[in-house]
């Protein structure tokens, strides 16, 4: 087991592993571009989700109001006028 650690230590010292400076750490420009693209995509997805949820909520509210009006209309008896009604003159013909 010690031979494995010794060979790894020897290999890392000969290859220069572990000699990086602090300026070489980090994701770099490519990481920044990828992160920015992910942020923009998430913003668009959230906006779309909010729009769809709002549409579903408004549709259900409209359907419930419409059903309420239908129920009210069925509850009362509407009488048909005997003669046609002219809305311009507001008179019965």
N, C-alpha and C. Protein backbone atom coordinates (compact mmCIF):
# COMPACT_ATOMS: atom_id res chain seq x y z
N UNK A 1 0.83 -1.19 0.00
CA UNK A 1 0.00 0.00 0.00
C UNK A 1 0.87 1.25 0.00
N UNK A 2 1.97 1.19 0.74
CA UNK A 2 2.88 2.33 0.77
C UNK A 2 3.52 2.58 -0.59
N UNK A 3 3.70 1.54 -1.35
CA UNK A 3 4.30 1.73 -2.67
C UNK A 3 3.39 2.52 -3.60
N UNK A 4 2.08 2.35 -3.43
CA UNK A 4 1.12 3.12 -4.25
C UNK A 4 1.21 4.60 -3.90
N UNK A 5 1.24 4.92 -2.61
CA UNK A 5 1.34 6.32 -2.20
C UNK A 5 2.67 6.93 -2.63
N UNK A 6 3.76 6.14 -2.53
CA UNK A 6 5.06 6.64 -2.93
C UNK A 6 5.11 6.90 -4.43
N UNK A 7 4.49 6.02 -5.21
CA UNK A 7 4.49 6.22 -6.66
C UNK A 7 3.62 7.42 -7.05
N UNK A 8 2.51 7.62 -6.34
CA UNK A 8 1.68 8.79 -6.61
C UNK A 8 2.40 10.08 -6.24
N UNK A 9 3.09 10.08 -5.14
CA UNK A 9 3.84 11.26 -4.72
C UNK A 9 4.96 11.56 -5.71
N UNK A 10 5.65 10.54 -6.16
CA UNK A 10 6.74 10.71 -7.13
C UNK A 10 6.20 11.21 -8.46
N UNK A 11 5.07 10.67 -8.90
CA UNK A 11 4.47 11.08 -10.17
C UNK A 11 3.99 12.51 -10.10
N UNK A 12 3.36 12.89 -9.00
CA UNK A 12 2.85 14.25 -8.89
C UNK A 12 3.99 15.26 -8.80
N UNK A 13 5.08 14.89 -8.22
CA UNK A 13 6.20 15.83 -8.13
C UNK A 13 6.91 15.98 -9.46
N UNK A 14 6.95 14.93 -10.26
CA UNK A 14 7.62 15.01 -11.56
C UNK A 14 6.74 15.67 -12.61
N UNK A 15 5.40 15.56 -12.48
CA UNK A 15 4.50 16.18 -13.45
C UNK A 15 4.18 17.63 -13.10
N UNK A 16 4.53 18.05 -11.93
CA UNK A 16 4.24 19.43 -11.53
C UNK A 16 2.83 19.61 -11.01
N UNK A 17 2.19 18.54 -10.56
CA UNK A 17 0.85 18.62 -10.00
C UNK A 17 0.95 19.30 -8.64
N UNK A 18 0.09 20.22 -8.39
CA UNK A 18 0.07 20.91 -7.10
C UNK A 18 0.93 22.17 -7.09
N UNK A 19 1.45 22.57 -8.25
CA UNK A 19 2.28 23.77 -8.31
C UNK A 19 1.55 24.94 -8.95
N UNK A 20 0.22 24.86 -9.08
CA UNK A 20 -0.54 25.94 -9.69
C UNK A 20 -0.55 27.16 -8.78
N UNK A 21 -0.64 28.31 -9.39
CA UNK A 21 -0.76 29.54 -8.60
C UNK A 21 -2.22 29.79 -8.32
N UNK A 22 -2.48 30.71 -7.43
CA UNK A 22 -3.87 30.96 -7.03
C UNK A 22 -4.67 31.58 -8.16
N UNK A 23 -4.05 32.19 -9.14
CA UNK A 23 -4.80 32.80 -10.24
C UNK A 23 -5.33 31.76 -11.22
N UNK A 24 -4.87 30.53 -11.16
CA UNK A 24 -5.31 29.51 -12.08
C UNK A 24 -6.53 28.75 -11.57
N UNK A 25 -7.00 29.03 -10.37
CA UNK A 25 -8.17 28.35 -9.84
C UNK A 25 -9.43 29.06 -10.29
N UNK A 26 -10.50 28.35 -10.46
CA UNK A 26 -11.79 28.93 -10.78
C UNK A 26 -12.30 28.46 -12.12
N UNK A 27 -13.53 28.74 -12.39
CA UNK A 27 -14.15 28.24 -13.61
C UNK A 27 -13.73 29.01 -14.86
N UNK A 28 -13.29 30.24 -14.72
CA UNK A 28 -12.87 31.01 -15.88
C UNK A 28 -14.03 31.63 -16.63
N UNK A 29 -13.71 32.14 -17.80
CA UNK A 29 -14.72 32.84 -18.60
C UNK A 29 -15.80 31.89 -19.11
N UNK A 30 -15.41 30.69 -19.48
CA UNK A 30 -16.39 29.71 -19.96
C UNK A 30 -17.40 29.35 -18.87
N UNK A 31 -16.94 29.23 -17.64
CA UNK A 31 -17.85 28.97 -16.53
C UNK A 31 -18.80 30.13 -16.30
N UNK A 32 -18.29 31.36 -16.46
CA UNK A 32 -19.15 32.53 -16.31
C UNK A 32 -20.23 32.55 -17.39
N UNK A 33 -19.87 32.27 -18.62
CA UNK A 33 -20.84 32.27 -19.72
C UNK A 33 -21.90 31.19 -19.49
N UNK A 34 -21.48 30.02 -19.07
CA UNK A 34 -22.44 28.94 -18.81
C UNK A 34 -23.39 29.32 -17.67
N UNK A 35 -22.87 29.89 -16.60
CA UNK A 35 -23.71 30.30 -15.47
C UNK A 35 -24.68 31.40 -15.89
N UNK A 36 -24.22 32.36 -16.67
CA UNK A 36 -25.10 33.44 -17.13
C UNK A 36 -26.21 32.88 -18.02
N UNK A 37 -25.88 31.92 -18.89
CA UNK A 37 -26.89 31.32 -19.75
C UNK A 37 -27.93 30.57 -18.92
N UNK A 38 -27.48 29.88 -17.88
CA UNK A 38 -28.42 29.16 -17.01
C UNK A 38 -29.35 30.14 -16.29
N UNK A 39 -28.82 31.26 -15.83
CA UNK A 39 -29.64 32.26 -15.14
C UNK A 39 -30.69 32.82 -16.08
N UNK A 40 -30.30 33.14 -17.30
CA UNK A 40 -31.26 33.68 -18.27
C UNK A 40 -32.34 32.65 -18.59
N UNK A 41 -31.96 31.39 -18.75
CA UNK A 41 -32.93 30.34 -19.04
C UNK A 41 -33.91 30.16 -17.88
N UNK A 42 -33.42 30.20 -16.66
CA UNK A 42 -34.29 30.05 -15.49
C UNK A 42 -35.25 31.23 -15.38
N UNK A 43 -34.79 32.43 -15.68
CA UNK A 43 -35.67 33.60 -15.64
C UNK A 43 -36.81 33.45 -16.64
N UNK A 44 -36.50 33.02 -17.87
CA UNK A 44 -37.55 32.83 -18.86
C UNK A 44 -38.51 31.70 -18.46
N UNK A 45 -38.00 30.63 -17.89
CA UNK A 45 -38.87 29.54 -17.45
C UNK A 45 -39.80 29.97 -16.33
N UNK A 46 -39.29 30.75 -15.39
CA UNK A 46 -40.13 31.23 -14.29
C UNK A 46 -41.21 32.16 -14.81
N UNK A 47 -40.86 33.07 -15.72
CA UNK A 47 -41.87 33.98 -16.28
C UNK A 47 -42.96 33.20 -17.01
N UNK A 48 -42.57 32.17 -17.77
CA UNK A 48 -43.55 31.37 -18.48
C UNK A 48 -44.44 30.61 -17.51
N UNK A 49 -43.86 30.07 -16.45
CA UNK A 49 -44.64 29.33 -15.45
C UNK A 49 -45.65 30.25 -14.77
N UNK A 50 -45.23 31.46 -14.40
CA UNK A 50 -46.14 32.39 -13.75
C UNK A 50 -47.28 32.76 -14.69
N UNK A 51 -46.97 32.96 -15.97
CA UNK A 51 -48.01 33.30 -16.94
C UNK A 51 -49.02 32.16 -17.07
N UNK A 52 -48.54 30.93 -17.12
CA UNK A 52 -49.45 29.79 -17.27
C UNK A 52 -50.30 29.57 -16.01
N UNK A 53 -49.72 29.75 -14.84
CA UNK A 53 -50.48 29.60 -13.60
C UNK A 53 -51.55 30.68 -13.52
N UNK A 54 -51.19 31.90 -13.89
CA UNK A 54 -52.17 32.98 -13.87
C UNK A 54 -53.31 32.71 -14.83
N UNK A 55 -52.99 32.18 -16.02
CA UNK A 55 -54.02 31.88 -17.01
C UNK A 55 -54.98 30.81 -16.49
N UNK A 56 -54.45 29.79 -15.84
CA UNK A 56 -55.30 28.73 -15.28
C UNK A 56 -56.19 29.30 -14.18
N UNK A 57 -55.63 30.17 -13.33
CA UNK A 57 -56.42 30.75 -12.24
C UNK A 57 -57.54 31.62 -12.80
N UNK A 58 -57.24 32.47 -13.80
CA UNK A 58 -58.27 33.33 -14.37
C UNK A 58 -59.34 32.53 -15.09
N UNK A 59 -58.94 31.45 -15.74
CA UNK A 59 -59.91 30.61 -16.44
C UNK A 59 -60.86 29.96 -15.45
N UNK A 60 -60.34 29.47 -14.34
CA UNK A 60 -61.22 28.83 -13.36
C UNK A 60 -62.14 29.86 -12.71
N UNK A 61 -61.65 31.08 -12.47
CA UNK A 61 -62.52 32.12 -11.91
C UNK A 61 -63.62 32.48 -12.90
N UNK A 62 -63.29 32.60 -14.18
CA UNK A 62 -64.29 32.95 -15.19
C UNK A 62 -65.33 31.84 -15.33
N UNK A 63 -64.88 30.60 -15.27
CA UNK A 63 -65.83 29.50 -15.37
C UNK A 63 -66.77 29.46 -14.17
N UNK A 64 -66.26 29.74 -13.00
CA UNK A 64 -67.13 29.74 -11.82
C UNK A 64 -68.13 30.90 -11.87
N UNK A 65 -67.68 32.07 -12.34
CA UNK A 65 -68.62 33.20 -12.49
C UNK A 65 -69.68 32.88 -13.54
N UNK A 66 -69.27 32.28 -14.64
CA UNK A 66 -70.22 31.93 -15.68
C UNK A 66 -71.22 30.90 -15.18
N UNK A 67 -70.75 29.93 -14.43
CA UNK A 67 -71.66 28.92 -13.88
C UNK A 67 -72.64 29.57 -12.90
N UNK A 68 -72.16 30.53 -12.12
CA UNK A 68 -73.06 31.24 -11.20
C UNK A 68 -74.13 32.01 -11.95
N UNK A 69 -73.76 32.65 -13.06
CA UNK A 69 -74.75 33.37 -13.86
C UNK A 69 -75.75 32.41 -14.50
N UNK A 70 -75.27 31.27 -14.94
CA UNK A 70 -76.17 30.27 -15.53
C UNK A 70 -77.14 29.77 -14.46
N UNK A 71 -76.64 29.53 -13.26
CA UNK A 71 -77.52 29.07 -12.18
C UNK A 71 -78.57 30.12 -11.84
N UNK A 72 -78.16 31.39 -11.82
CA UNK A 72 -79.14 32.46 -11.55
C UNK A 72 -80.16 32.55 -12.66
N UNK A 73 -79.71 32.38 -13.90
CA UNK A 73 -80.63 32.45 -15.04
C UNK A 73 -81.62 31.31 -15.04
N UNK A 74 -81.20 30.15 -14.61
CA UNK A 74 -82.12 29.01 -14.56
C UNK A 74 -83.08 29.13 -13.39
N UNK A 75 -82.69 29.84 -12.36
CA UNK A 75 -83.53 29.96 -11.18
C UNK A 75 -84.73 30.87 -11.43
N UNK A 76 -84.56 31.90 -12.23
CA UNK A 76 -85.70 32.79 -12.48
C UNK A 76 -86.34 32.46 -13.82
N UNK A 77 -87.59 32.74 -13.93
CA UNK A 77 -88.31 32.48 -15.17
C UNK A 77 -88.27 33.72 -16.04
N UNK A 78 -87.72 33.60 -17.20
CA UNK A 78 -87.67 34.72 -18.13
C UNK A 78 -88.91 34.69 -18.98
N UNK A 79 -89.53 35.86 -19.13
CA UNK A 79 -90.73 35.94 -19.96
C UNK A 79 -90.35 36.49 -21.33
N UNK A 80 -90.84 35.84 -22.33
CA UNK A 80 -90.59 36.29 -23.69
C UNK A 80 -91.48 37.49 -23.97
N UNK A 81 -90.92 38.52 -24.61
CA UNK A 81 -91.78 39.66 -24.97
C UNK A 81 -92.77 39.25 -26.06
N UNK A 82 -93.93 39.87 -26.03
CA UNK A 82 -94.95 39.56 -27.03
C UNK A 82 -94.58 40.13 -28.40
N UNK A 83 -93.99 41.31 -28.40
CA UNK A 83 -93.63 41.96 -29.67
C UNK A 83 -92.12 42.22 -29.66
N UNK A 84 -91.54 42.38 -30.83
CA UNK A 84 -90.11 42.68 -30.88
C UNK A 84 -89.82 44.03 -30.25
N UNK A 85 -88.64 44.15 -29.69
CA UNK A 85 -88.24 45.37 -28.98
C UNK A 85 -87.19 46.08 -29.80
N UNK A 86 -87.39 47.42 -30.04
CA UNK A 86 -86.42 48.21 -30.78
C UNK A 86 -85.54 48.96 -29.79
N UNK A 87 -84.24 48.62 -29.68
CA UNK A 87 -83.40 49.28 -28.68
C UNK A 87 -83.09 50.73 -29.02
N UNK A 88 -83.21 51.13 -30.31
CA UNK A 88 -82.92 52.53 -30.68
C UNK A 88 -84.00 53.47 -30.15
N UNK A 89 -85.22 53.07 -30.28
CA UNK A 89 -86.30 53.94 -29.83
C UNK A 89 -86.80 53.55 -28.44
N UNK A 90 -86.36 52.41 -27.96
CA UNK A 90 -86.77 51.89 -26.65
C UNK A 90 -88.29 51.76 -26.55
N UNK A 91 -88.89 51.30 -27.63
CA UNK A 91 -90.34 51.11 -27.66
C UNK A 91 -90.66 49.68 -28.11
N UNK A 92 -91.81 49.22 -27.69
CA UNK A 92 -92.34 47.95 -28.14
C UNK A 92 -93.00 48.16 -29.48
N UNK A 93 -92.84 47.23 -30.40
CA UNK A 93 -93.49 47.39 -31.72
C UNK A 93 -94.68 46.49 -31.82
